[in-house]
Amino acid sequence: MVRRTKEDAEETRHQLLEAAQRVFAEKGVSRTSLQDIAQAAGVTRGAIYWHFKNKAELFNAMMDSAVLPMEQAMQQMGHDATQDPLVELERAMLQTMRSIESDARTRAIFEVATLKVEYVDELLAVKQRHVQCCLAGTCQMHRSLEDAAARRGVTLAVAADTAAHGLHALMVGLIHTWMLDPAGFKLVAVSQAAIRTYLAGLGLRF
């Protein structure tokens, strides 16, 4: 009975996350109420508060379901001394692009995050989570770029922190531009070409 209850609770949580993604995409995040999400999920508003204290927490949980695997891929870099940090960095970045381009659910969640959210009122907590993700990603890029330069015995064309911010901005810009018009270009192919060109400009080659 306890197991069934836990399974039911997990299923309800999953339904809420899926409903939130759909309604956020349709109405925009700021215009969506918890009642809208509850109705779309076929549950009571009280069921939402059992799992999430507010809309920001629900939004962040939705994002985590898509972003966490990508964050984990970045966090795993640098732990194996036999691996080329530049190869690891490119692999992790392209894994993110591949997930967005090929997985419909991941793409839908990123569309909400890039095109349908305003950082106002209770959603300021969403902005804080976004800033944390950007900071963590940039810091990992910084370490990878430094390690790659040391391994190759080269000096980066700009400081590693500057290079990392530029690389992160390149990645975010490609995602945002592709989201506006997915038919406009192949995200993975263009990303790989752009990343390699950027890295070559820093003095890093594969």
N, C-alpha and C. Protein backbone atom coordinates (compact mmCIF):
# COMPACT_ATOMS: atom_id res chain seq x y z
N MET A 1 0.83 -1.20 0.00
CA MET A 1 0.00 0.00 0.00
C MET A 1 0.87 1.25 0.00
N VAL A 2 1.95 1.25 0.83
CA VAL A 2 2.84 2.40 0.88
C VAL A 2 3.50 2.60 -0.47
N ARG A 3 3.94 1.47 -1.08
CA ARG A 3 4.58 1.56 -2.38
C ARG A 3 3.61 2.14 -3.41
N ARG A 4 2.36 1.68 -3.37
CA ARG A 4 1.38 2.18 -4.31
C ARG A 4 1.17 3.68 -4.13
N THR A 5 1.14 4.12 -2.86
CA THR A 5 0.96 5.54 -2.57
C THR A 5 2.13 6.35 -3.11
N LYS A 6 3.34 5.85 -2.93
CA LYS A 6 4.52 6.55 -3.45
C LYS A 6 4.50 6.59 -4.97
N GLU A 7 4.09 5.50 -5.57
CA GLU A 7 4.00 5.45 -7.02
C GLU A 7 2.95 6.43 -7.53
N ASP A 8 1.82 6.50 -6.83
CA ASP A 8 0.76 7.44 -7.21
C ASP A 8 1.26 8.88 -7.10
N ALA A 9 1.98 9.17 -6.02
CA ALA A 9 2.49 10.52 -5.81
C ALA A 9 3.48 10.89 -6.91
N GLU A 10 4.33 9.95 -7.28
CA GLU A 10 5.32 10.21 -8.32
C GLU A 10 4.64 10.40 -9.68
N GLU A 11 3.59 9.63 -9.91
CA GLU A 11 2.85 9.78 -11.16
C GLU A 11 2.17 11.14 -11.21
N THR A 12 1.60 11.58 -10.10
CA THR A 12 0.96 12.90 -10.05
C THR A 12 1.99 13.99 -10.31
N ARG A 13 3.15 13.85 -9.71
CA ARG A 13 4.21 14.84 -9.93
C ARG A 13 4.61 14.90 -11.41
N HIS A 14 4.72 13.73 -12.01
CA HIS A 14 5.06 13.67 -13.44
C HIS A 14 3.97 14.34 -14.27
N GLN A 15 2.71 14.09 -13.95
CA GLN A 15 1.60 14.70 -14.68
C GLN A 15 1.64 16.22 -14.56
N LEU A 16 1.98 16.71 -13.37
CA LEU A 16 2.05 18.15 -13.16
C LEU A 16 3.18 18.78 -13.99
N LEU A 17 4.32 18.12 -14.05
CA LEU A 17 5.44 18.65 -14.82
C LEU A 17 5.11 18.68 -16.31
N GLU A 18 4.47 17.61 -16.79
CA GLU A 18 4.09 17.56 -18.20
C GLU A 18 3.03 18.61 -18.52
N ALA A 19 2.07 18.77 -17.62
CA ALA A 19 1.02 19.77 -17.83
C ALA A 19 1.60 21.17 -17.80
N ALA A 20 2.52 21.41 -16.87
CA ALA A 20 3.14 22.73 -16.75
C ALA A 20 3.86 23.09 -18.04
N GLN A 21 4.59 22.14 -18.60
CA GLN A 21 5.31 22.41 -19.84
C GLN A 21 4.34 22.81 -20.95
N ARG A 22 3.22 22.09 -21.06
CA ARG A 22 2.24 22.38 -22.11
C ARG A 22 1.60 23.75 -21.93
N VAL A 23 1.17 24.04 -20.69
CA VAL A 23 0.47 25.30 -20.45
C VAL A 23 1.42 26.49 -20.52
N PHE A 24 2.63 26.31 -19.99
CA PHE A 24 3.62 27.38 -20.11
C PHE A 24 3.87 27.73 -21.58
N ALA A 25 3.95 26.70 -22.42
CA ALA A 25 4.20 26.91 -23.85
C ALA A 25 3.03 27.63 -24.51
N GLU A 26 1.82 27.32 -24.08
CA GLU A 26 0.62 27.91 -24.68
C GLU A 26 0.39 29.35 -24.22
N LYS A 27 0.56 29.61 -22.91
CA LYS A 27 0.16 30.89 -22.35
C LYS A 27 1.32 31.78 -21.92
N GLY A 28 2.51 31.22 -21.87
CA GLY A 28 3.62 31.95 -21.28
C GLY A 28 3.65 31.70 -19.79
N VAL A 29 4.80 31.78 -19.18
CA VAL A 29 4.93 31.40 -17.77
C VAL A 29 4.22 32.40 -16.86
N SER A 30 4.42 33.69 -17.09
CA SER A 30 3.84 34.69 -16.19
C SER A 30 2.31 34.70 -16.24
N ARG A 31 1.72 34.30 -17.37
CA ARG A 31 0.26 34.30 -17.50
C ARG A 31 -0.38 33.00 -17.05
N THR A 32 0.43 32.04 -16.70
CA THR A 32 -0.09 30.74 -16.27
C THR A 32 -0.26 30.71 -14.77
N SER A 33 -1.41 30.26 -14.31
CA SER A 33 -1.66 30.12 -12.87
C SER A 33 -1.52 28.65 -12.47
N LEU A 34 -1.36 28.42 -11.19
CA LEU A 34 -1.30 27.05 -10.70
C LEU A 34 -2.62 26.33 -10.96
N GLN A 35 -3.71 27.08 -10.94
CA GLN A 35 -5.01 26.48 -11.24
C GLN A 35 -5.05 26.00 -12.68
N ASP A 36 -4.46 26.77 -13.60
CA ASP A 36 -4.39 26.35 -15.01
C ASP A 36 -3.66 25.01 -15.12
N ILE A 37 -2.56 24.89 -14.40
CA ILE A 37 -1.76 23.67 -14.48
C ILE A 37 -2.50 22.50 -13.84
N ALA A 38 -3.14 22.74 -12.71
CA ALA A 38 -3.90 21.69 -12.05
C ALA A 38 -5.01 21.17 -12.96
N GLN A 39 -5.70 22.10 -13.60
CA GLN A 39 -6.79 21.70 -14.50
C GLN A 39 -6.26 20.89 -15.68
N ALA A 40 -5.12 21.32 -16.25
CA ALA A 40 -4.54 20.60 -17.39
C ALA A 40 -4.06 19.22 -16.99
N ALA A 41 -3.62 19.08 -15.73
CA ALA A 41 -3.13 17.80 -15.24
C ALA A 41 -4.25 16.90 -14.74
N GLY A 42 -5.44 17.46 -14.58
CA GLY A 42 -6.57 16.68 -14.07
C GLY A 42 -6.48 16.39 -12.59
N VAL A 43 -5.90 17.34 -11.83
CA VAL A 43 -5.77 17.18 -10.38
C VAL A 43 -6.28 18.45 -9.70
N THR A 44 -6.34 18.41 -8.39
CA THR A 44 -6.76 19.60 -7.64
C THR A 44 -5.57 20.53 -7.45
N ARG A 45 -5.86 21.78 -7.14
CA ARG A 45 -4.78 22.73 -6.87
C ARG A 45 -4.00 22.29 -5.64
N GLY A 46 -4.70 21.66 -4.70
CA GLY A 46 -4.02 21.17 -3.50
C GLY A 46 -2.94 20.15 -3.82
N ALA A 47 -3.16 19.38 -4.88
CA ALA A 47 -2.16 18.38 -5.28
C ALA A 47 -0.86 19.05 -5.71
N ILE A 48 -0.98 20.23 -6.30
CA ILE A 48 0.23 20.96 -6.68
C ILE A 48 1.02 21.35 -5.44
N TYR A 49 0.32 21.88 -4.44
CA TYR A 49 1.02 22.33 -3.23
C TYR A 49 1.60 21.17 -2.42
N TRP A 50 1.13 19.98 -2.68
CA TRP A 50 1.74 18.81 -2.03
C TRP A 50 3.15 18.59 -2.56
N HIS A 51 3.36 18.93 -3.84
CA HIS A 51 4.65 18.69 -4.48
C HIS A 51 5.50 19.95 -4.63
N PHE A 52 4.84 21.11 -4.82
CA PHE A 52 5.60 22.34 -5.10
C PHE A 52 4.99 23.49 -4.30
N LYS A 53 5.88 24.33 -3.72
CA LYS A 53 5.35 25.39 -2.87
C LYS A 53 4.84 26.59 -3.68
N ASN A 54 5.31 26.73 -4.92
CA ASN A 54 4.86 27.84 -5.77
C ASN A 54 5.19 27.56 -7.23
N LYS A 55 4.85 28.50 -8.09
CA LYS A 55 5.05 28.31 -9.53
C LYS A 55 6.53 28.27 -9.88
N ALA A 56 7.35 29.06 -9.19
CA ALA A 56 8.78 29.08 -9.47
C ALA A 56 9.41 27.72 -9.20
N GLU A 57 9.02 27.10 -8.09
CA GLU A 57 9.57 25.79 -7.76
C GLU A 57 9.12 24.75 -8.79
N LEU A 58 7.89 24.84 -9.24
CA LEU A 58 7.39 23.94 -10.28
C LEU A 58 8.16 24.15 -11.59
N PHE A 59 8.38 25.41 -11.95
CA PHE A 59 9.12 25.71 -13.18
C PHE A 59 10.54 25.15 -13.09
N ASN A 60 11.20 25.37 -11.97
CA ASN A 60 12.58 24.88 -11.83
C ASN A 60 12.64 23.35 -11.87
N ALA A 61 11.64 22.70 -11.31
CA ALA A 61 11.60 21.23 -11.37
C ALA A 61 11.42 20.76 -12.81
N MET A 62 10.61 21.47 -13.57
CA MET A 62 10.43 21.14 -14.98
C MET A 62 11.75 21.30 -15.73
N MET A 63 12.45 22.40 -15.46
CA MET A 63 13.74 22.63 -16.12
C MET A 63 14.76 21.58 -15.72
N ASP A 64 14.79 21.23 -14.44
CA ASP A 64 15.77 20.24 -13.96
C ASP A 64 15.61 18.91 -14.68
N SER A 65 14.38 18.54 -15.00
CA SER A 65 14.16 17.26 -15.66
C SER A 65 14.84 17.20 -17.02
N ALA A 66 15.06 18.36 -17.63
CA ALA A 66 15.73 18.40 -18.93
C ALA A 66 17.20 18.78 -18.82
N VAL A 67 17.51 19.65 -17.86
CA VAL A 67 18.85 20.22 -17.77
C VAL A 67 19.82 19.37 -16.96
N LEU A 68 19.33 18.67 -15.94
CA LEU A 68 20.22 17.93 -15.05
C LEU A 68 21.14 16.96 -15.79
N PRO A 69 20.64 16.18 -16.75
CA PRO A 69 21.55 15.29 -17.47
C PRO A 69 22.68 16.05 -18.17
N MET A 70 22.38 17.24 -18.66
CA MET A 70 23.40 18.05 -19.32
C MET A 70 24.40 18.60 -18.31
N GLU A 71 23.89 19.05 -17.15
CA GLU A 71 24.77 19.54 -16.10
C GLU A 71 25.69 18.42 -15.61
N GLN A 72 25.14 17.23 -15.50
CA GLN A 72 25.95 16.09 -15.05
C GLN A 72 27.04 15.77 -16.05
N ALA A 73 26.74 15.92 -17.35
CA ALA A 73 27.76 15.67 -18.38
C ALA A 73 28.91 16.66 -18.23
N MET A 74 28.60 17.91 -17.91
CA MET A 74 29.63 18.92 -17.70
C MET A 74 30.43 18.63 -16.44
N GLN A 75 29.75 18.20 -15.38
CA GLN A 75 30.41 17.94 -14.11
C GLN A 75 31.36 16.75 -14.17
N GLN A 76 31.12 15.85 -15.09
CA GLN A 76 31.94 14.65 -15.20
C GLN A 76 33.26 14.91 -15.92
N MET A 77 33.40 16.10 -16.50
CA MET A 77 34.62 16.42 -17.22
C MET A 77 35.78 16.64 -16.25
N GLY A 78 36.98 16.26 -16.68
CA GLY A 78 38.17 16.55 -15.91
C GLY A 78 38.53 15.52 -14.86
N HIS A 79 37.76 14.45 -14.78
CA HIS A 79 38.03 13.44 -13.75
C HIS A 79 38.91 12.30 -14.26
N ASP A 80 39.13 12.24 -15.54
CA ASP A 80 39.95 11.18 -16.14
C ASP A 80 41.14 11.83 -16.84
N ALA A 81 42.33 11.67 -16.26
CA ALA A 81 43.52 12.33 -16.79
C ALA A 81 43.90 11.83 -18.17
N THR A 82 43.37 10.70 -18.59
CA THR A 82 43.70 10.17 -19.91
C THR A 82 42.87 10.83 -21.01
N GLN A 83 41.84 11.55 -20.62
CA GLN A 83 40.96 12.18 -21.60
C GLN A 83 41.44 13.59 -21.94
N ASP A 84 41.33 13.95 -23.21
CA ASP A 84 41.66 15.30 -23.65
C ASP A 84 40.55 16.24 -23.19
N PRO A 85 40.85 17.25 -22.36
CA PRO A 85 39.80 18.15 -21.86
C PRO A 85 39.06 18.88 -22.96
N LEU A 86 39.74 19.10 -24.10
CA LEU A 86 39.07 19.79 -25.20
C LEU A 86 38.04 18.88 -25.85
N VAL A 87 38.38 17.62 -26.00
CA VAL A 87 37.44 16.65 -26.55
C VAL A 87 36.25 16.47 -25.62
N GLU A 88 36.51 16.41 -24.32
CA GLU A 88 35.43 16.28 -23.33
C GLU A 88 34.50 17.48 -23.38
N LEU A 89 35.10 18.66 -23.49
CA LEU A 89 34.30 19.88 -23.51
C LEU A 89 33.39 19.91 -24.73
N GLU A 90 33.95 19.63 -25.89
CA GLU A 90 33.13 19.62 -27.11
C GLU A 90 32.04 18.56 -27.02
N ARG A 91 32.37 17.39 -26.51
CA ARG A 91 31.40 16.31 -26.41
C ARG A 91 30.22 16.72 -25.52
N ALA A 92 30.53 17.34 -24.38
CA ALA A 92 29.46 17.75 -23.47
C ALA A 92 28.58 18.82 -24.08
N MET A 93 29.19 19.78 -24.77
CA MET A 93 28.40 20.85 -25.39
C MET A 93 27.52 20.31 -26.51
N LEU A 94 28.08 19.42 -27.31
CA LEU A 94 27.29 18.87 -28.42
C LEU A 94 26.21 17.92 -27.92
N GLN A 95 26.46 17.29 -26.77
CA GLN A 95 25.42 16.44 -26.19
C GLN A 95 24.20 17.28 -25.83
N THR A 96 24.45 18.46 -25.30
CA THR A 96 23.35 19.37 -25.00
C THR A 96 22.60 19.76 -26.27
N MET A 97 23.33 20.14 -27.29
CA MET A 97 22.71 20.53 -28.55
C MET A 97 21.93 19.37 -29.18
N ARG A 98 22.49 18.19 -29.09
CA ARG A 98 21.85 17.00 -29.67
C ARG A 98 20.54 16.70 -28.94
N SER A 99 20.54 16.84 -27.63
CA SER A 99 19.32 16.59 -26.85
C SER A 99 18.23 17.57 -27.23
N ILE A 100 18.60 18.84 -27.39
CA ILE A 100 17.62 19.86 -27.76
C ILE A 100 17.08 19.63 -29.17
N GLU A 101 17.97 19.26 -30.08
CA GLU A 101 17.56 19.10 -31.48
C GLU A 101 16.75 17.84 -31.71
N SER A 102 17.07 16.75 -31.00
CA SER A 102 16.46 15.46 -31.33
C SER A 102 15.36 15.01 -30.38
N ASP A 103 15.34 15.54 -29.14
CA ASP A 103 14.35 15.09 -28.17
C ASP A 103 13.24 16.12 -28.05
N ALA A 104 12.03 15.72 -28.40
CA ALA A 104 10.90 16.67 -28.46
C ALA A 104 10.60 17.30 -27.11
N ARG A 105 10.66 16.51 -26.05
CA ARG A 105 10.34 17.05 -24.72
C ARG A 105 11.40 18.05 -24.27
N THR A 106 12.67 17.71 -24.45
CA THR A 106 13.74 18.63 -24.08
C THR A 106 13.63 19.92 -24.88
N ARG A 107 13.34 19.79 -26.16
CA ARG A 107 13.18 20.96 -27.02
C ARG A 107 12.03 21.84 -26.53
N ALA A 108 10.93 21.22 -26.17
CA ALA A 108 9.77 21.98 -25.71
C ALA A 108 10.08 22.74 -24.42
N ILE A 109 10.81 22.10 -23.51
CA ILE A 109 11.16 22.75 -22.24
C ILE A 109 12.11 23.92 -22.48
N PHE A 110 13.08 23.74 -23.37
CA PHE A 110 14.01 24.83 -23.66
C PHE A 110 13.29 25.97 -24.39
N GLU A 111 12.29 25.64 -25.17
CA GLU A 111 11.52 26.69 -25.83
C GLU A 111 10.81 27.55 -24.80
N VAL A 112 10.24 26.91 -23.80
CA VAL A 112 9.60 27.67 -22.72
C VAL A 112 10.63 28.54 -22.02
N ALA A 113 11.79 27.96 -21.71
CA ALA A 113 12.82 28.67 -20.95
C ALA A 113 13.42 29.84 -21.71
N THR A 114 13.50 29.73 -23.03
CA THR A 114 14.14 30.80 -23.81
C THR A 114 13.15 31.82 -24.36
N LEU A 115 11.91 31.41 -24.60
CA LEU A 115 10.97 32.29 -25.30
C LEU A 115 9.71 32.62 -24.51
N LYS A 116 9.43 31.90 -23.43
CA LYS A 116 8.12 32.05 -22.79
C LYS A 116 8.19 32.45 -21.31
N VAL A 117 9.34 32.90 -20.82
CA VAL A 117 9.45 33.22 -19.40
C VAL A 117 9.89 34.66 -19.21
N GLU A 118 9.29 35.31 -18.20
CA GLU A 118 9.69 36.66 -17.80
C GLU A 118 10.14 36.60 -16.34
N TYR A 119 11.27 37.19 -16.05
CA TYR A 119 11.81 37.13 -14.69
C TYR A 119 11.22 38.25 -13.84
N VAL A 120 9.96 38.08 -13.45
CA VAL A 120 9.27 39.08 -12.64
C VAL A 120 8.58 38.39 -11.47
N ASP A 121 8.36 39.17 -10.41
CA ASP A 121 7.63 38.70 -9.23
C ASP A 121 8.18 37.38 -8.71
N GLU A 122 7.32 36.37 -8.57
CA GLU A 122 7.75 35.10 -7.99
C GLU A 122 8.75 34.37 -8.88
N LEU A 123 8.82 34.76 -10.15
CA LEU A 123 9.74 34.08 -11.07
C LEU A 123 11.18 34.59 -10.95
N LEU A 124 11.42 35.52 -10.04
CA LEU A 124 12.79 35.93 -9.78
C LEU A 124 13.62 34.75 -9.27
N ALA A 125 12.95 33.82 -8.60
CA ALA A 125 13.65 32.61 -8.15
C ALA A 125 14.11 31.77 -9.33
N VAL A 126 13.35 31.83 -10.42
CA VAL A 126 13.74 31.13 -11.65
C VAL A 126 15.01 31.77 -12.21
N LYS A 127 15.07 33.09 -12.16
CA LYS A 127 16.27 33.80 -12.64
C LYS A 127 17.49 33.37 -11.83
N GLN A 128 17.33 33.25 -10.53
CA GLN A 128 18.45 32.84 -9.68
C GLN A 128 18.96 31.46 -10.07
N ARG A 129 18.04 30.55 -10.34
CA ARG A 129 18.44 29.20 -10.77
C ARG A 129 19.16 29.26 -12.11
N HIS A 130 18.68 30.09 -13.01
CA HIS A 130 19.31 30.25 -14.32
C HIS A 130 20.72 30.80 -14.17
N VAL A 131 20.88 31.80 -13.31
CA VAL A 131 22.20 32.39 -13.07
C VAL A 131 23.16 31.35 -12.51
N GLN A 132 22.68 30.52 -11.59
CA GLN A 132 23.51 29.47 -11.01
C GLN A 132 23.98 28.48 -12.07
N CYS A 133 23.07 28.10 -12.96
CA CYS A 133 23.42 27.16 -14.05
C CYS A 133 24.47 27.78 -14.96
N CYS A 134 24.28 29.05 -15.31
CA CYS A 134 25.24 29.73 -16.18
C CYS A 134 26.61 29.81 -15.52
N LEU A 135 26.62 30.13 -14.24
CA LEU A 135 27.88 30.25 -13.51
C LEU A 135 28.60 28.91 -13.45
N ALA A 136 27.86 27.85 -13.13
CA ALA A 136 28.47 26.52 -13.04
C ALA A 136 29.02 26.08 -14.39
N GLY A 137 28.26 26.31 -15.45
CA GLY A 137 28.71 25.93 -16.79
C GLY A 137 29.94 26.70 -17.21
N THR A 138 29.95 28.01 -16.94
CA THR A 138 31.09 28.84 -17.32
C THR A 138 32.34 28.46 -16.54
N CYS A 139 32.18 28.15 -15.26
CA CYS A 139 33.33 27.74 -14.44
C CYS A 139 33.95 26.45 -14.96
N GLN A 140 33.09 25.49 -15.37
CA GLN A 140 33.61 24.24 -15.90
C GLN A 140 34.32 24.47 -17.23
N MET A 141 33.76 25.32 -18.06
CA MET A 141 34.43 25.67 -19.32
C MET A 141 35.79 26.30 -19.06
N HIS A 142 35.85 27.18 -18.08
CA HIS A 142 37.09 27.85 -17.69
C HIS A 142 38.16 26.80 -17.36
N ARG A 143 37.81 25.84 -16.52
CA ARG A 143 38.78 24.80 -16.13
C ARG A 143 39.21 23.97 -17.34
N SER A 144 38.25 23.61 -18.17
CA SER A 144 38.56 22.79 -19.34
C SER A 144 39.48 23.51 -20.32
N LEU A 145 39.22 24.79 -20.52
CA LEU A 145 40.06 25.57 -21.43
C LEU A 145 41.48 25.70 -20.90
N GLU A 146 41.60 25.95 -19.60
CA GLU A 146 42.93 26.03 -19.00
C GLU A 146 43.67 24.70 -19.11
N ASP A 147 42.98 23.61 -18.83
CA ASP A 147 43.60 22.29 -18.90
C ASP A 147 44.01 21.96 -20.34
N ALA A 148 43.15 22.31 -21.29
CA ALA A 148 43.46 22.03 -22.69
C ALA A 148 44.67 22.83 -23.15
N ALA A 149 44.76 24.08 -22.72
CA ALA A 149 45.90 24.91 -23.08
C ALA A 149 47.18 24.37 -22.47
N ALA A 150 47.12 23.95 -21.21
CA ALA A 150 48.30 23.40 -20.54
C ALA A 150 48.76 22.12 -21.22
N ARG A 151 47.82 21.27 -21.58
CA ARG A 151 48.17 20.02 -22.23
C ARG A 151 48.85 20.27 -23.57
N ARG A 152 48.43 21.32 -24.27
CA ARG A 152 48.98 21.62 -25.59
C ARG A 152 50.18 22.55 -25.53
N GLY A 153 50.46 23.08 -24.34
CA GLY A 153 51.59 23.98 -24.20
C GLY A 153 51.41 25.29 -24.93
N VAL A 154 50.16 25.79 -24.95
CA VAL A 154 49.89 27.06 -25.64
C VAL A 154 49.32 28.07 -24.65
N THR A 155 49.41 29.33 -25.03
CA THR A 155 48.81 30.41 -24.25
C THR A 155 47.54 30.85 -24.96
N LEU A 156 46.45 30.88 -24.25
CA LEU A 156 45.18 31.27 -24.86
C LEU A 156 45.25 32.71 -25.36
N ALA A 157 44.53 32.97 -26.43
CA ALA A 157 44.53 34.30 -27.04
C ALA A 157 43.96 35.36 -26.10
N VAL A 158 43.07 34.96 -25.20
CA VAL A 158 42.53 35.84 -24.16
C VAL A 158 42.53 35.08 -22.85
N ALA A 159 42.30 35.76 -21.75
CA ALA A 159 42.26 35.11 -20.45
C ALA A 159 41.20 34.01 -20.44
N ALA A 160 41.46 32.94 -19.69
CA ALA A 160 40.56 31.78 -19.69
C ALA A 160 39.15 32.15 -19.24
N ASP A 161 39.01 33.06 -18.26
CA ASP A 161 37.66 33.42 -17.82
C ASP A 161 36.90 34.17 -18.92
N THR A 162 37.61 35.03 -19.65
CA THR A 162 36.98 35.73 -20.77
C THR A 162 36.60 34.74 -21.86
N ALA A 163 37.50 33.81 -22.16
CA ALA A 163 37.23 32.80 -23.19
C ALA A 163 36.02 31.95 -22.81
N ALA A 164 35.91 31.60 -21.52
CA ALA A 164 34.79 30.77 -21.06
C ALA A 164 33.47 31.51 -21.19
N HIS A 165 33.45 32.78 -20.84
CA HIS A 165 32.22 33.56 -20.98
C HIS A 165 31.81 33.66 -22.45
N GLY A 166 32.79 33.85 -23.32
CA GLY A 166 32.48 33.93 -24.74
C GLY A 166 31.95 32.62 -25.29
N LEU A 167 32.55 31.51 -24.86
CA LEU A 167 32.11 30.20 -25.32
C LEU A 167 30.70 29.90 -24.83
N HIS A 168 30.42 30.25 -23.57
CA HIS A 168 29.09 30.03 -23.02
C HIS A 168 28.05 30.88 -23.77
N ALA A 169 28.42 32.13 -24.06
CA ALA A 169 27.50 33.01 -24.80
C ALA A 169 27.25 32.47 -26.21
N LEU A 170 28.27 31.91 -26.82
CA LEU A 170 28.11 31.30 -28.14
C LEU A 170 27.10 30.17 -28.09
N MET A 171 27.21 29.34 -27.08
CA MET A 171 26.31 28.19 -26.92
C MET A 171 24.86 28.66 -26.70
N VAL A 172 24.69 29.60 -25.78
CA VAL A 172 23.35 30.12 -25.48
C VAL A 172 22.75 30.81 -26.70
N GLY A 173 23.57 31.57 -27.42
CA GLY A 173 23.08 32.26 -28.60
C GLY A 173 22.64 31.31 -29.69
N LEU A 174 23.39 30.24 -29.90
CA LEU A 174 23.00 29.24 -30.89
C LEU A 174 21.67 28.60 -30.54
N ILE A 175 21.50 28.25 -29.26
CA ILE A 175 20.25 27.63 -28.82
C ILE A 175 19.08 28.58 -29.03
N HIS A 176 19.26 29.82 -28.60
CA HIS A 176 18.17 30.79 -28.70
C HIS A 176 17.79 31.06 -30.16
N THR A 177 18.80 31.23 -31.01
CA THR A 177 18.53 31.49 -32.43
C THR A 177 17.84 30.31 -33.09
N TRP A 178 18.29 29.10 -32.76
CA TRP A 178 17.68 27.90 -33.34
C TRP A 178 16.23 27.76 -32.88
N MET A 179 15.96 28.10 -31.62
CA MET A 179 14.60 28.01 -31.09
C MET A 179 13.64 28.91 -31.85
N LEU A 180 14.14 30.04 -32.31
CA LEU A 180 13.28 30.96 -33.06
C LEU A 180 12.86 30.37 -34.40
N ASP A 181 13.75 29.55 -34.99
CA ASP A 181 13.45 28.96 -36.30
C ASP A 181 14.21 27.64 -36.44
N PRO A 182 13.67 26.55 -35.88
CA PRO A 182 14.37 25.26 -35.92
C PRO A 182 14.68 24.75 -37.32
N ALA A 183 13.93 25.20 -38.30
CA ALA A 183 14.18 24.76 -39.67
C ALA A 183 15.29 25.56 -40.33
N GLY A 184 15.75 26.60 -39.65
CA GLY A 184 16.73 27.49 -40.25
C GLY A 184 18.12 26.89 -40.42
N PHE A 185 18.53 26.03 -39.48
CA PHE A 185 19.83 25.39 -39.59
C PHE A 185 19.88 24.17 -38.69
N LYS A 186 20.86 23.30 -38.92
CA LYS A 186 21.06 22.10 -38.10
C LYS A 186 21.84 22.49 -36.86
N LEU A 187 21.22 22.36 -35.71
CA LEU A 187 21.82 22.86 -34.48
C LEU A 187 23.15 22.19 -34.15
N VAL A 188 23.20 20.87 -34.22
CA VAL A 188 24.43 20.16 -33.85
C VAL A 188 25.55 20.46 -34.83
N ALA A 189 25.27 20.39 -36.11
CA ALA A 189 26.29 20.60 -37.13
C ALA A 189 26.86 22.01 -37.07
N VAL A 190 25.98 23.00 -37.00
CA VAL A 190 26.43 24.38 -36.95
C VAL A 190 27.16 24.66 -35.63
N SER A 191 26.67 24.08 -34.55
CA SER A 191 27.32 24.28 -33.26
C SER A 191 28.74 23.73 -33.26
N GLN A 192 28.93 22.55 -33.81
CA GLN A 192 30.27 21.98 -33.84
C GLN A 192 31.22 22.86 -34.65
N ALA A 193 30.76 23.32 -35.81
CA ALA A 193 31.60 24.19 -36.64
C ALA A 193 31.92 25.49 -35.91
N ALA A 194 30.93 26.08 -35.25
CA ALA A 194 31.14 27.35 -34.54
C ALA A 194 32.07 27.16 -33.34
N ILE A 195 31.86 26.08 -32.59
CA ILE A 195 32.70 25.81 -31.42
C ILE A 195 34.15 25.61 -31.83
N ARG A 196 34.37 24.82 -32.86
CA ARG A 196 35.74 24.55 -33.30
C ARG A 196 36.42 25.80 -33.84
N THR A 197 35.66 26.64 -34.54
CA THR A 197 36.22 27.89 -35.04
C THR A 197 36.60 28.80 -33.87
N TYR A 198 35.74 28.87 -32.87
CA TYR A 198 36.00 29.70 -31.69
C TYR A 198 37.24 29.19 -30.95
N LEU A 199 37.31 27.88 -30.75
CA LEU A 199 38.45 27.31 -30.04
C LEU A 199 39.76 27.52 -30.80
N ALA A 200 39.68 27.40 -32.13
CA ALA A 200 40.88 27.64 -32.95
C ALA A 200 41.35 29.08 -32.79
N GLY A 201 40.41 30.00 -32.69
CA GLY A 201 40.75 31.39 -32.48
C GLY A 201 41.45 31.64 -31.15
N LEU A 202 41.17 30.79 -30.18
CA LEU A 202 41.83 30.87 -28.87
C LEU A 202 43.22 30.27 -28.91
N GLY A 203 43.49 29.50 -29.99
CA GLY A 203 44.79 28.82 -30.10
C GLY A 203 44.71 27.34 -29.75
N LEU A 204 43.47 26.81 -29.67
CA LEU A 204 43.25 25.41 -29.30
C LEU A 204 42.75 24.63 -30.50
N ARG A 205 43.47 23.59 -30.85
CA ARG A 205 43.05 22.74 -31.97
C ARG A 205 43.02 21.29 -31.52
N PHE A 206 42.16 20.51 -32.18
CA PHE A 206 42.01 19.10 -31.82
C PHE A 206 43.15 18.28 -32.41
